[in-house]
Amino acid sequence: MRFCRSAVLLLLVVAAPVSLQAGTILIDFEGFGDSTSLTTQYSGLSFTNATIITAGISLNEFDFPPRSGVNVVFDDAGPISILFASPILSFSGFFTHTVPLTLAAFDASTAQVASAKSAFSSNLALSGDPGSSPNEFLSVSFPGGISSITISGDPLGGSFVLDDAAYTSAVPEPGSLLLLLSGMAGMITFRKRYLL
C-alpha cells in the first residue's frame, strides 16, 4: 500500500509540469502552380472556395501585390473557409481587397467566438481608398480554441487575395513529455527493485 501511494505521488509530481506550448505555422502558398484549387494540400487544414494565383500569370500584381513570393490565394466563387483538424489559438493573414472584409472565427460547435473587419473598403495598390495600402493585416484569436474561420468579402467571390497566413496551434511541450516518460520509467524500475 505504501508503494502505491508513493507511485501515485511520483506520477502526480512528474505529470504536473506537462503544459501546452504554442506553435506558429506560416502558410505562404508558394510551391503550387497558378490556378491550383486549394483544398487539403496543407496537413490538418481543409480549404473551401480558395484558389492559388501567381503574379505575372493570373494575378494582377500591380493592384494585388503579394506580400512575399509570387503566389496568393483568392476567394474563388464565395467566402474562403478553413476547417482545422485540431483547434487553434489564433489565425492571421495579409489581405488586399476590393470590398470590406470580415474575418470570423468559430469554435467546435460553430458558435462565432471572434471577428475582425478591414479598416478600408478597398486597399488596392493603385486605386484603393485614400490612406490605405495593400496587404492589410487581420487577425483573430480565442484561447478556448478555433475550429474554423471564414473570410468574407463579396458573396460571389473574386474580391480579395490572402498571403502569408499564419495560425497558432497548441502542441505538447516536448521537454515536459520527456520528463513524464522518464518519471514513468523510473517508477517501473523502482517497483521491480522493491517488489522482488
N, C-alpha and C. Protein backbone atom coordinates (compact mmCIF):
# COMPACT_ATOMS: atom_id res chain seq x y z
N MET A 1 0.82 -1.20 0.00
CA MET A 1 0.00 0.00 0.00
C MET A 1 0.86 1.26 0.00
N ARG A 2 1.96 1.20 0.76
CA ARG A 2 2.86 2.34 0.84
C ARG A 2 3.48 2.63 -0.54
N PHE A 3 3.82 1.55 -1.28
CA PHE A 3 4.38 1.71 -2.61
C PHE A 3 3.37 2.40 -3.54
N CYS A 4 2.11 2.01 -3.46
CA CYS A 4 1.07 2.59 -4.32
C CYS A 4 0.95 4.09 -4.10
N ARG A 5 0.94 4.51 -2.82
CA ARG A 5 0.86 5.94 -2.52
C ARG A 5 2.07 6.67 -3.07
N SER A 6 3.25 6.09 -2.89
CA SER A 6 4.48 6.71 -3.39
C SER A 6 4.46 6.80 -4.92
N ALA A 7 3.99 5.76 -5.56
CA ALA A 7 3.93 5.75 -7.02
C ALA A 7 2.96 6.81 -7.53
N VAL A 8 1.80 6.92 -6.89
CA VAL A 8 0.82 7.92 -7.30
C VAL A 8 1.37 9.32 -7.09
N LEU A 9 2.01 9.58 -5.96
CA LEU A 9 2.61 10.89 -5.71
C LEU A 9 3.69 11.21 -6.74
N LEU A 10 4.54 10.24 -7.05
CA LEU A 10 5.58 10.46 -8.04
C LEU A 10 4.97 10.77 -9.40
N LEU A 11 3.94 10.03 -9.78
CA LEU A 11 3.27 10.28 -11.05
C LEU A 11 2.67 11.68 -11.11
N LEU A 12 2.04 12.12 -10.03
CA LEU A 12 1.46 13.46 -9.99
C LEU A 12 2.53 14.55 -10.09
N VAL A 13 3.64 14.35 -9.41
CA VAL A 13 4.73 15.34 -9.46
C VAL A 13 5.32 15.42 -10.87
N VAL A 14 5.48 14.27 -11.50
CA VAL A 14 6.07 14.24 -12.83
C VAL A 14 5.08 14.77 -13.87
N ALA A 15 3.80 14.45 -13.72
CA ALA A 15 2.81 14.85 -14.71
C ALA A 15 2.45 16.33 -14.60
N ALA A 16 2.60 16.94 -13.46
CA ALA A 16 2.22 18.33 -13.26
C ALA A 16 2.87 19.30 -14.24
N PRO A 17 4.17 19.14 -14.58
CA PRO A 17 4.77 20.11 -15.48
C PRO A 17 4.34 20.01 -16.94
N VAL A 18 3.58 18.96 -17.32
CA VAL A 18 3.18 18.86 -18.72
C VAL A 18 2.31 20.06 -19.05
N SER A 19 2.71 20.81 -20.06
CA SER A 19 1.99 22.01 -20.42
C SER A 19 1.84 22.09 -21.93
N LEU A 20 1.13 23.10 -22.38
CA LEU A 20 0.98 23.34 -23.80
C LEU A 20 1.83 24.53 -24.19
N GLN A 21 2.43 24.41 -25.35
CA GLN A 21 3.25 25.48 -25.88
C GLN A 21 2.71 25.82 -27.26
N ALA A 22 2.61 27.09 -27.56
CA ALA A 22 2.08 27.50 -28.84
C ALA A 22 3.11 27.27 -29.94
N GLY A 23 2.63 26.80 -31.08
CA GLY A 23 3.47 26.63 -32.26
C GLY A 23 2.84 27.37 -33.41
N THR A 24 3.56 28.31 -34.04
CA THR A 24 3.01 29.09 -35.13
C THR A 24 3.43 28.50 -36.47
N ILE A 25 2.47 28.31 -37.34
CA ILE A 25 2.70 27.75 -38.66
C ILE A 25 2.38 28.82 -39.70
N LEU A 26 3.32 29.06 -40.62
CA LEU A 26 3.15 30.05 -41.68
C LEU A 26 2.78 29.34 -42.98
N ILE A 27 1.80 29.89 -43.68
CA ILE A 27 1.39 29.37 -44.98
C ILE A 27 1.59 30.50 -45.99
N ASP A 28 2.58 30.32 -46.90
CA ASP A 28 2.85 31.38 -47.87
C ASP A 28 2.32 31.07 -49.27
N PHE A 29 1.70 29.90 -49.44
CA PHE A 29 1.06 29.48 -50.68
C PHE A 29 2.03 29.29 -51.85
N GLU A 30 3.33 29.29 -51.57
CA GLU A 30 4.31 29.05 -52.62
C GLU A 30 4.39 27.55 -52.91
N GLY A 31 4.96 27.21 -54.07
CA GLY A 31 5.15 25.81 -54.42
C GLY A 31 3.99 25.17 -55.15
N PHE A 32 2.96 25.95 -55.46
CA PHE A 32 1.82 25.45 -56.22
C PHE A 32 1.74 26.19 -57.54
N GLY A 33 1.19 25.54 -58.55
CA GLY A 33 1.02 26.17 -59.85
C GLY A 33 -0.15 27.14 -59.85
N ASP A 34 -0.11 28.06 -60.81
CA ASP A 34 -1.20 29.03 -60.99
C ASP A 34 -2.51 28.29 -61.21
N SER A 35 -3.57 28.79 -60.60
CA SER A 35 -4.94 28.26 -60.71
C SER A 35 -5.14 26.93 -59.99
N THR A 36 -4.27 26.60 -59.04
CA THR A 36 -4.46 25.39 -58.24
C THR A 36 -5.60 25.61 -57.25
N SER A 37 -6.57 24.71 -57.26
CA SER A 37 -7.66 24.76 -56.29
C SER A 37 -7.10 24.25 -54.96
N LEU A 38 -7.15 25.08 -53.94
CA LEU A 38 -6.61 24.72 -52.63
C LEU A 38 -7.70 24.03 -51.82
N THR A 39 -7.43 22.79 -51.40
CA THR A 39 -8.39 22.02 -50.62
C THR A 39 -7.71 21.47 -49.37
N THR A 40 -7.05 20.33 -49.50
CA THR A 40 -6.42 19.68 -48.34
C THR A 40 -4.91 19.50 -48.51
N GLN A 41 -4.28 20.35 -49.32
CA GLN A 41 -2.85 20.21 -49.56
C GLN A 41 -2.01 20.47 -48.30
N TYR A 42 -2.51 21.28 -47.39
CA TYR A 42 -1.80 21.54 -46.13
C TYR A 42 -2.36 20.60 -45.06
N SER A 43 -1.49 19.85 -44.44
CA SER A 43 -1.89 18.86 -43.44
C SER A 43 -2.70 19.49 -42.31
N GLY A 44 -3.85 18.90 -42.01
CA GLY A 44 -4.68 19.37 -40.90
C GLY A 44 -5.59 20.54 -41.24
N LEU A 45 -5.58 21.01 -42.49
CA LEU A 45 -6.42 22.13 -42.92
C LEU A 45 -7.25 21.72 -44.12
N SER A 46 -8.47 22.21 -44.18
CA SER A 46 -9.35 21.96 -45.31
C SER A 46 -9.93 23.29 -45.78
N PHE A 47 -9.56 23.70 -47.01
CA PHE A 47 -9.98 24.99 -47.57
C PHE A 47 -11.20 24.80 -48.46
N THR A 48 -12.07 25.80 -48.49
CA THR A 48 -13.20 25.86 -49.40
C THR A 48 -13.18 27.21 -50.11
N ASN A 49 -13.46 27.22 -51.41
CA ASN A 49 -13.51 28.44 -52.24
C ASN A 49 -12.17 29.17 -52.27
N ALA A 50 -11.08 28.43 -52.33
CA ALA A 50 -9.75 29.04 -52.33
C ALA A 50 -8.96 28.53 -53.53
N THR A 51 -8.45 29.46 -54.32
CA THR A 51 -7.64 29.11 -55.48
C THR A 51 -6.36 29.94 -55.46
N ILE A 52 -5.26 29.28 -55.74
CA ILE A 52 -3.95 29.95 -55.77
C ILE A 52 -3.75 30.59 -57.14
N ILE A 53 -3.29 31.84 -57.14
CA ILE A 53 -2.94 32.53 -58.38
C ILE A 53 -1.54 33.12 -58.24
N THR A 54 -0.88 33.29 -59.38
CA THR A 54 0.52 33.65 -59.42
C THR A 54 0.73 34.99 -60.12
N ALA A 55 1.62 35.81 -59.54
CA ALA A 55 1.97 37.11 -60.13
C ALA A 55 2.52 36.89 -61.53
N GLY A 56 2.10 37.74 -62.47
CA GLY A 56 2.56 37.64 -63.84
C GLY A 56 1.78 36.65 -64.68
N ILE A 57 0.88 35.88 -64.04
CA ILE A 57 0.06 34.93 -64.80
C ILE A 57 -1.41 35.33 -64.58
N SER A 58 -2.06 34.79 -63.54
CA SER A 58 -3.47 35.12 -63.27
C SER A 58 -3.62 36.30 -62.32
N LEU A 59 -2.58 36.60 -61.56
CA LEU A 59 -2.67 37.67 -60.55
C LEU A 59 -2.20 39.00 -61.12
N ASN A 60 -3.03 40.03 -60.97
CA ASN A 60 -2.64 41.40 -61.30
C ASN A 60 -1.83 41.93 -60.12
N GLU A 61 -0.52 41.75 -60.17
CA GLU A 61 0.33 42.11 -59.04
C GLU A 61 0.51 43.61 -58.86
N PHE A 62 0.06 44.41 -59.82
CA PHE A 62 0.15 45.86 -59.68
C PHE A 62 -0.88 46.37 -58.68
N ASP A 63 -2.08 45.80 -58.70
CA ASP A 63 -3.11 46.17 -57.73
C ASP A 63 -3.12 45.24 -56.52
N PHE A 64 -2.73 43.99 -56.71
CA PHE A 64 -2.75 42.98 -55.66
C PHE A 64 -1.35 42.41 -55.43
N PRO A 65 -0.40 43.20 -54.98
CA PRO A 65 0.96 42.68 -54.84
C PRO A 65 1.06 41.63 -53.72
N PRO A 66 1.71 40.49 -54.01
CA PRO A 66 1.92 39.50 -52.95
C PRO A 66 2.77 40.12 -51.84
N ARG A 67 2.55 39.69 -50.62
CA ARG A 67 3.39 40.17 -49.52
C ARG A 67 4.76 39.51 -49.58
N SER A 68 4.79 38.25 -50.03
CA SER A 68 6.06 37.53 -50.19
C SER A 68 5.90 36.58 -51.37
N GLY A 69 6.97 36.21 -52.00
CA GLY A 69 6.92 35.26 -53.11
C GLY A 69 6.09 35.76 -54.26
N VAL A 70 5.48 34.81 -54.99
CA VAL A 70 4.67 35.17 -56.17
C VAL A 70 3.23 34.66 -56.08
N ASN A 71 2.92 33.79 -55.14
CA ASN A 71 1.59 33.20 -55.03
C ASN A 71 0.76 33.84 -53.92
N VAL A 72 -0.54 33.92 -54.18
CA VAL A 72 -1.53 34.31 -53.17
C VAL A 72 -2.72 33.37 -53.37
N VAL A 73 -3.68 33.42 -52.47
CA VAL A 73 -4.92 32.67 -52.64
C VAL A 73 -6.06 33.68 -52.71
N PHE A 74 -7.06 33.41 -53.58
CA PHE A 74 -8.19 34.34 -53.67
C PHE A 74 -9.51 33.62 -53.43
N ASP A 75 -10.54 34.40 -53.15
CA ASP A 75 -11.88 33.88 -52.86
C ASP A 75 -12.57 33.52 -54.17
N ASP A 76 -12.48 32.27 -54.54
CA ASP A 76 -13.00 31.77 -55.81
C ASP A 76 -14.44 31.31 -55.63
N ALA A 77 -15.39 32.12 -56.07
CA ALA A 77 -16.83 31.80 -56.08
C ALA A 77 -17.51 31.92 -54.72
N GLY A 78 -16.88 32.56 -53.74
CA GLY A 78 -17.53 32.76 -52.45
C GLY A 78 -16.52 32.96 -51.35
N PRO A 79 -17.00 33.15 -50.12
CA PRO A 79 -16.09 33.34 -48.98
C PRO A 79 -15.16 32.13 -48.81
N ILE A 80 -13.94 32.38 -48.40
CA ILE A 80 -13.00 31.30 -48.10
C ILE A 80 -13.29 30.79 -46.70
N SER A 81 -13.36 29.47 -46.56
CA SER A 81 -13.49 28.84 -45.25
C SER A 81 -12.30 27.92 -45.05
N ILE A 82 -11.82 27.86 -43.82
CA ILE A 82 -10.75 26.94 -43.46
C ILE A 82 -11.19 26.18 -42.22
N LEU A 83 -11.19 24.86 -42.34
CA LEU A 83 -11.53 23.98 -41.23
C LEU A 83 -10.23 23.38 -40.71
N PHE A 84 -10.03 23.43 -39.38
CA PHE A 84 -8.81 22.92 -38.75
C PHE A 84 -9.10 21.56 -38.11
N ALA A 85 -8.23 20.58 -38.37
CA ALA A 85 -8.40 19.24 -37.82
C ALA A 85 -8.33 19.27 -36.29
N SER A 86 -7.49 20.13 -35.74
CA SER A 86 -7.38 20.33 -34.29
C SER A 86 -7.58 21.82 -34.01
N PRO A 87 -8.26 22.18 -32.92
CA PRO A 87 -8.47 23.59 -32.63
C PRO A 87 -7.16 24.38 -32.55
N ILE A 88 -7.22 25.62 -33.01
CA ILE A 88 -6.07 26.51 -32.98
C ILE A 88 -6.37 27.67 -32.02
N LEU A 89 -5.33 28.42 -31.67
CA LEU A 89 -5.49 29.56 -30.75
C LEU A 89 -5.68 30.88 -31.48
N SER A 90 -5.07 31.02 -32.68
CA SER A 90 -5.19 32.28 -33.42
C SER A 90 -4.97 32.04 -34.91
N PHE A 91 -5.44 33.00 -35.72
CA PHE A 91 -5.26 32.97 -37.17
C PHE A 91 -5.03 34.40 -37.62
N SER A 92 -4.13 34.57 -38.60
CA SER A 92 -3.88 35.90 -39.16
C SER A 92 -3.48 35.79 -40.62
N GLY A 93 -3.52 36.92 -41.32
CA GLY A 93 -3.11 36.94 -42.71
C GLY A 93 -3.04 38.37 -43.21
N PHE A 94 -2.51 38.51 -44.42
CA PHE A 94 -2.36 39.81 -45.07
C PHE A 94 -3.27 39.83 -46.29
N PHE A 95 -4.17 40.81 -46.32
CA PHE A 95 -5.25 40.85 -47.30
C PHE A 95 -5.19 42.11 -48.16
N THR A 96 -5.42 41.94 -49.45
CA THR A 96 -5.65 43.05 -50.37
C THR A 96 -7.04 42.81 -50.94
N HIS A 97 -7.89 43.85 -50.90
CA HIS A 97 -9.31 43.62 -51.17
C HIS A 97 -9.97 44.77 -51.91
N THR A 98 -11.08 44.45 -52.59
CA THR A 98 -11.85 45.45 -53.33
C THR A 98 -13.12 45.87 -52.60
N VAL A 99 -13.50 45.13 -51.58
CA VAL A 99 -14.69 45.41 -50.77
C VAL A 99 -14.31 45.21 -49.30
N PRO A 100 -15.12 45.69 -48.35
CA PRO A 100 -14.81 45.45 -46.94
C PRO A 100 -14.76 43.94 -46.64
N LEU A 101 -13.82 43.55 -45.77
CA LEU A 101 -13.65 42.14 -45.41
C LEU A 101 -14.04 41.90 -43.97
N THR A 102 -14.51 40.69 -43.72
CA THR A 102 -14.76 40.22 -42.35
C THR A 102 -14.08 38.88 -42.18
N LEU A 103 -13.27 38.77 -41.14
CA LEU A 103 -12.62 37.52 -40.75
C LEU A 103 -13.33 37.04 -39.50
N ALA A 104 -13.97 35.88 -39.57
CA ALA A 104 -14.74 35.35 -38.44
C ALA A 104 -14.19 34.00 -38.00
N ALA A 105 -14.12 33.79 -36.69
CA ALA A 105 -13.62 32.54 -36.11
C ALA A 105 -14.76 31.83 -35.39
N PHE A 106 -14.76 30.48 -35.49
CA PHE A 106 -15.84 29.68 -34.91
C PHE A 106 -15.24 28.55 -34.08
N ASP A 107 -15.94 28.19 -33.00
CA ASP A 107 -15.48 27.07 -32.17
C ASP A 107 -16.04 25.76 -32.71
N ALA A 108 -15.82 24.68 -32.00
CA ALA A 108 -16.24 23.35 -32.45
C ALA A 108 -17.75 23.22 -32.61
N SER A 109 -18.52 24.02 -31.89
CA SER A 109 -19.98 23.97 -32.01
C SER A 109 -20.50 24.98 -33.03
N THR A 110 -19.60 25.56 -33.83
CA THR A 110 -19.88 26.56 -34.87
C THR A 110 -20.41 27.89 -34.33
N ALA A 111 -20.17 28.16 -33.05
CA ALA A 111 -20.52 29.47 -32.49
C ALA A 111 -19.38 30.43 -32.82
N GLN A 112 -19.74 31.63 -33.28
CA GLN A 112 -18.70 32.63 -33.58
C GLN A 112 -18.07 33.10 -32.28
N VAL A 113 -16.72 33.04 -32.22
CA VAL A 113 -16.01 33.38 -30.99
C VAL A 113 -15.10 34.60 -31.14
N ALA A 114 -14.85 35.05 -32.38
CA ALA A 114 -14.02 36.23 -32.61
C ALA A 114 -14.23 36.71 -34.04
N SER A 115 -13.96 38.00 -34.27
CA SER A 115 -14.04 38.53 -35.63
C SER A 115 -13.16 39.76 -35.76
N ALA A 116 -12.82 40.08 -37.01
CA ALA A 116 -12.05 41.28 -37.33
C ALA A 116 -12.55 41.81 -38.66
N LYS A 117 -12.54 43.13 -38.80
CA LYS A 117 -13.01 43.77 -40.04
C LYS A 117 -11.88 44.62 -40.62
N SER A 118 -11.87 44.71 -41.94
CA SER A 118 -10.86 45.54 -42.61
C SER A 118 -11.08 47.00 -42.27
N ALA A 119 -9.99 47.76 -42.27
CA ALA A 119 -10.05 49.18 -41.94
C ALA A 119 -10.59 50.02 -43.10
N PHE A 120 -10.45 49.52 -44.33
CA PHE A 120 -10.87 50.26 -45.52
C PHE A 120 -11.79 49.40 -46.37
N SER A 121 -12.57 50.06 -47.23
CA SER A 121 -13.43 49.34 -48.17
C SER A 121 -12.59 48.68 -49.25
N SER A 122 -11.55 49.36 -49.68
CA SER A 122 -10.66 48.84 -50.71
C SER A 122 -9.24 49.29 -50.40
N ASN A 123 -8.28 48.39 -50.56
CA ASN A 123 -6.88 48.76 -50.31
C ASN A 123 -5.97 48.33 -51.46
N LEU A 124 -6.49 48.40 -52.68
CA LEU A 124 -5.69 48.07 -53.85
C LEU A 124 -4.48 49.01 -53.93
N ALA A 125 -3.38 48.52 -54.46
CA ALA A 125 -2.15 49.31 -54.52
C ALA A 125 -2.30 50.57 -55.36
N LEU A 126 -2.99 50.48 -56.50
CA LEU A 126 -3.09 51.63 -57.41
C LEU A 126 -4.36 52.44 -57.23
N SER A 127 -5.43 51.82 -56.76
CA SER A 127 -6.71 52.54 -56.73
C SER A 127 -7.50 52.33 -55.44
N GLY A 128 -6.82 51.99 -54.36
CA GLY A 128 -7.51 51.78 -53.09
C GLY A 128 -7.96 53.07 -52.45
N ASP A 129 -8.70 52.96 -51.36
CA ASP A 129 -9.16 54.13 -50.61
C ASP A 129 -7.97 54.98 -50.17
N PRO A 130 -8.17 56.32 -50.11
CA PRO A 130 -7.09 57.19 -49.63
C PRO A 130 -6.62 56.75 -48.24
N GLY A 131 -5.31 56.65 -48.06
CA GLY A 131 -4.72 56.26 -46.78
C GLY A 131 -4.54 54.76 -46.62
N SER A 132 -5.09 53.98 -47.54
CA SER A 132 -4.96 52.52 -47.43
C SER A 132 -3.68 52.06 -48.12
N SER A 133 -3.30 50.85 -47.82
CA SER A 133 -2.17 50.21 -48.51
C SER A 133 -2.47 48.72 -48.62
N PRO A 134 -1.91 48.07 -49.63
CA PRO A 134 -2.19 46.64 -49.79
C PRO A 134 -1.63 45.81 -48.65
N ASN A 135 -2.06 44.56 -48.58
CA ASN A 135 -1.60 43.61 -47.57
C ASN A 135 -1.92 44.07 -46.14
N GLU A 136 -3.20 44.35 -45.92
CA GLU A 136 -3.66 44.72 -44.59
C GLU A 136 -3.66 43.49 -43.68
N PHE A 137 -3.12 43.65 -42.49
CA PHE A 137 -3.04 42.56 -41.52
C PHE A 137 -4.34 42.47 -40.74
N LEU A 138 -4.93 41.28 -40.73
CA LEU A 138 -6.11 41.00 -39.91
C LEU A 138 -5.84 39.73 -39.11
N SER A 139 -6.35 39.70 -37.88
CA SER A 139 -6.14 38.52 -37.04
C SER A 139 -7.30 38.31 -36.09
N VAL A 140 -7.47 37.05 -35.68
CA VAL A 140 -8.45 36.68 -34.66
C VAL A 140 -7.78 35.70 -33.71
N SER A 141 -8.23 35.69 -32.48
CA SER A 141 -7.72 34.70 -31.51
C SER A 141 -8.82 34.38 -30.51
N PHE A 142 -8.70 33.17 -29.95
CA PHE A 142 -9.64 32.72 -28.93
C PHE A 142 -8.98 31.60 -28.14
N PRO A 143 -8.72 31.83 -26.84
CA PRO A 143 -8.00 30.82 -26.05
C PRO A 143 -8.75 29.51 -25.88
N GLY A 144 -10.07 29.52 -26.10
CA GLY A 144 -10.86 28.30 -25.98
C GLY A 144 -10.76 27.38 -27.19
N GLY A 145 -10.14 27.85 -28.26
CA GLY A 145 -9.94 27.03 -29.45
C GLY A 145 -10.83 27.42 -30.62
N ILE A 146 -10.19 27.65 -31.75
CA ILE A 146 -10.88 27.97 -33.01
C ILE A 146 -10.86 26.72 -33.87
N SER A 147 -12.03 26.29 -34.34
CA SER A 147 -12.12 25.10 -35.19
C SER A 147 -12.23 25.44 -36.67
N SER A 148 -12.72 26.64 -36.98
CA SER A 148 -12.81 27.07 -38.38
C SER A 148 -12.82 28.58 -38.46
N ILE A 149 -12.46 29.07 -39.65
CA ILE A 149 -12.56 30.51 -39.90
C ILE A 149 -13.22 30.71 -41.26
N THR A 150 -13.84 31.86 -41.41
CA THR A 150 -14.43 32.25 -42.69
C THR A 150 -13.98 33.67 -42.99
N ILE A 151 -13.55 33.89 -44.25
CA ILE A 151 -13.14 35.21 -44.69
C ILE A 151 -14.12 35.64 -45.77
N SER A 152 -14.89 36.69 -45.49
CA SER A 152 -15.97 37.11 -46.38
C SER A 152 -15.70 38.48 -46.96
N GLY A 153 -15.84 38.60 -48.27
CA GLY A 153 -15.83 39.87 -48.99
C GLY A 153 -17.11 39.92 -49.79
N ASP A 154 -16.99 39.91 -51.12
CA ASP A 154 -18.15 39.82 -51.99
C ASP A 154 -18.71 38.40 -51.89
N PRO A 155 -20.02 38.23 -51.68
CA PRO A 155 -20.60 36.88 -51.56
C PRO A 155 -20.34 35.99 -52.78
N LEU A 156 -20.09 36.60 -53.94
CA LEU A 156 -19.84 35.83 -55.16
C LEU A 156 -18.35 35.55 -55.38
N GLY A 157 -17.50 36.10 -54.51
CA GLY A 157 -16.07 35.87 -54.61
C GLY A 157 -15.36 36.86 -55.52
N GLY A 158 -14.08 36.62 -55.75
CA GLY A 158 -13.27 37.48 -56.61
C GLY A 158 -13.00 38.86 -56.03
N SER A 159 -13.01 38.98 -54.69
CA SER A 159 -12.91 40.31 -54.09
C SER A 159 -11.67 40.53 -53.22
N PHE A 160 -10.88 39.48 -52.96
CA PHE A 160 -9.69 39.68 -52.14
C PHE A 160 -8.65 38.60 -52.41
N VAL A 161 -7.42 38.91 -52.02
CA VAL A 161 -6.35 37.91 -52.01
C VAL A 161 -5.78 37.86 -50.60
N LEU A 162 -5.25 36.69 -50.26
CA LEU A 162 -4.64 36.44 -48.95
C LEU A 162 -3.23 35.93 -49.17
N ASP A 163 -2.29 36.45 -48.40
CA ASP A 163 -0.92 35.96 -48.43
C ASP A 163 -0.40 35.85 -47.01
N ASP A 164 0.60 35.00 -46.83
CA ASP A 164 1.27 34.81 -45.54
C ASP A 164 0.29 34.62 -44.39
N ALA A 165 -0.59 33.65 -44.54
CA ALA A 165 -1.50 33.29 -43.46
C ALA A 165 -0.68 32.57 -42.38
N ALA A 166 -1.09 32.73 -41.14
CA ALA A 166 -0.41 32.05 -40.04
C ALA A 166 -1.46 31.62 -39.02
N TYR A 167 -1.20 30.49 -38.37
CA TYR A 167 -2.07 30.08 -37.28
C TYR A 167 -1.22 29.51 -36.17
N THR A 168 -1.74 29.63 -34.96
CA THR A 168 -1.05 29.16 -33.77
C THR A 168 -1.81 27.98 -33.21
N SER A 169 -1.10 26.86 -33.13
CA SER A 169 -1.72 25.65 -32.58
C SER A 169 -1.16 25.39 -31.19
N ALA A 170 -1.89 24.62 -30.42
CA ALA A 170 -1.42 24.21 -29.10
C ALA A 170 -0.83 22.82 -29.24
N VAL A 171 0.43 22.66 -28.90
CA VAL A 171 1.11 21.37 -29.00
C VAL A 171 1.77 21.04 -27.68
N PRO A 172 1.88 19.75 -27.33
CA PRO A 172 2.56 19.40 -26.08
C PRO A 172 4.01 19.86 -26.10
N GLU A 173 4.45 20.41 -25.01
CA GLU A 173 5.84 20.85 -24.89
C GLU A 173 6.74 19.63 -24.81
N PRO A 174 7.70 19.46 -25.75
CA PRO A 174 8.50 18.24 -25.80
C PRO A 174 9.26 17.95 -24.50
N GLY A 175 9.79 18.95 -23.84
CA GLY A 175 10.56 18.74 -22.61
C GLY A 175 9.72 18.12 -21.51
N SER A 176 8.49 18.57 -21.37
CA SER A 176 7.62 18.04 -20.33
C SER A 176 7.20 16.61 -20.63
N LEU A 177 6.97 16.32 -21.89
CA LEU A 177 6.60 14.96 -22.27
C LEU A 177 7.75 14.00 -21.98
N LEU A 178 8.98 14.42 -22.28
CA LEU A 178 10.14 13.59 -21.99
C LEU A 178 10.28 13.39 -20.48
N LEU A 179 10.04 14.43 -19.71
CA LEU A 179 10.10 14.32 -18.26
C LEU A 179 9.06 13.33 -17.73
N LEU A 180 7.87 13.37 -18.28
CA LEU A 180 6.82 12.45 -17.88
C LEU A 180 7.22 11.00 -18.17
N LEU A 181 7.72 10.76 -19.37
CA LEU A 181 8.13 9.40 -19.73
C LEU A 181 9.29 8.92 -18.87
N SER A 182 10.23 9.79 -18.55
CA SER A 182 11.35 9.42 -17.67
C SER A 182 10.86 9.05 -16.28
N GLY A 183 9.92 9.81 -15.76
CA GLY A 183 9.35 9.52 -14.44
C GLY A 183 8.64 8.18 -14.42
N MET A 184 7.93 7.88 -15.49
CA MET A 184 7.24 6.60 -15.56
C MET A 184 8.24 5.44 -15.62
N ALA A 185 9.32 5.61 -16.38
CA ALA A 185 10.35 4.57 -16.45
C ALA A 185 11.00 4.37 -15.08
N GLY A 186 11.21 5.47 -14.36
CA GLY A 186 11.78 5.38 -13.01
C GLY A 186 10.86 4.63 -12.06
N MET A 187 9.55 4.87 -12.19
CA MET A 187 8.59 4.17 -11.34
C MET A 187 8.61 2.67 -11.59
N ILE A 188 8.70 2.29 -12.86
CA ILE A 188 8.74 0.86 -13.19
C ILE A 188 9.98 0.21 -12.60
N THR A 189 11.12 0.89 -12.75
CA THR A 189 12.38 0.38 -12.19
C THR A 189 12.28 0.26 -10.68
N PHE A 190 11.75 1.29 -10.01
CA PHE A 190 11.59 1.31 -8.56
C PHE A 190 10.72 0.14 -8.11
N ARG A 191 9.63 -0.06 -8.84
CA ARG A 191 8.68 -1.12 -8.48
C ARG A 191 9.34 -2.50 -8.61
N LYS A 192 10.08 -2.71 -9.70
CA LYS A 192 10.74 -4.01 -9.90
C LYS A 192 11.75 -4.30 -8.81
N ARG A 193 12.51 -3.28 -8.39
CA ARG A 193 13.56 -3.48 -7.36
C ARG A 193 12.96 -3.84 -6.02
N TYR A 194 11.89 -3.14 -5.63
CA TYR A 194 11.37 -3.31 -4.28
C TYR A 194 10.30 -4.38 -4.15
N LEU A 195 9.80 -4.87 -5.26
CA LEU A 195 8.80 -5.93 -5.18
C LEU A 195 9.42 -7.32 -5.30
N LEU A 196 10.67 -7.40 -5.74
CA LEU A 196 11.34 -8.70 -5.87
C LEU A 196 11.93 -9.18 -4.58
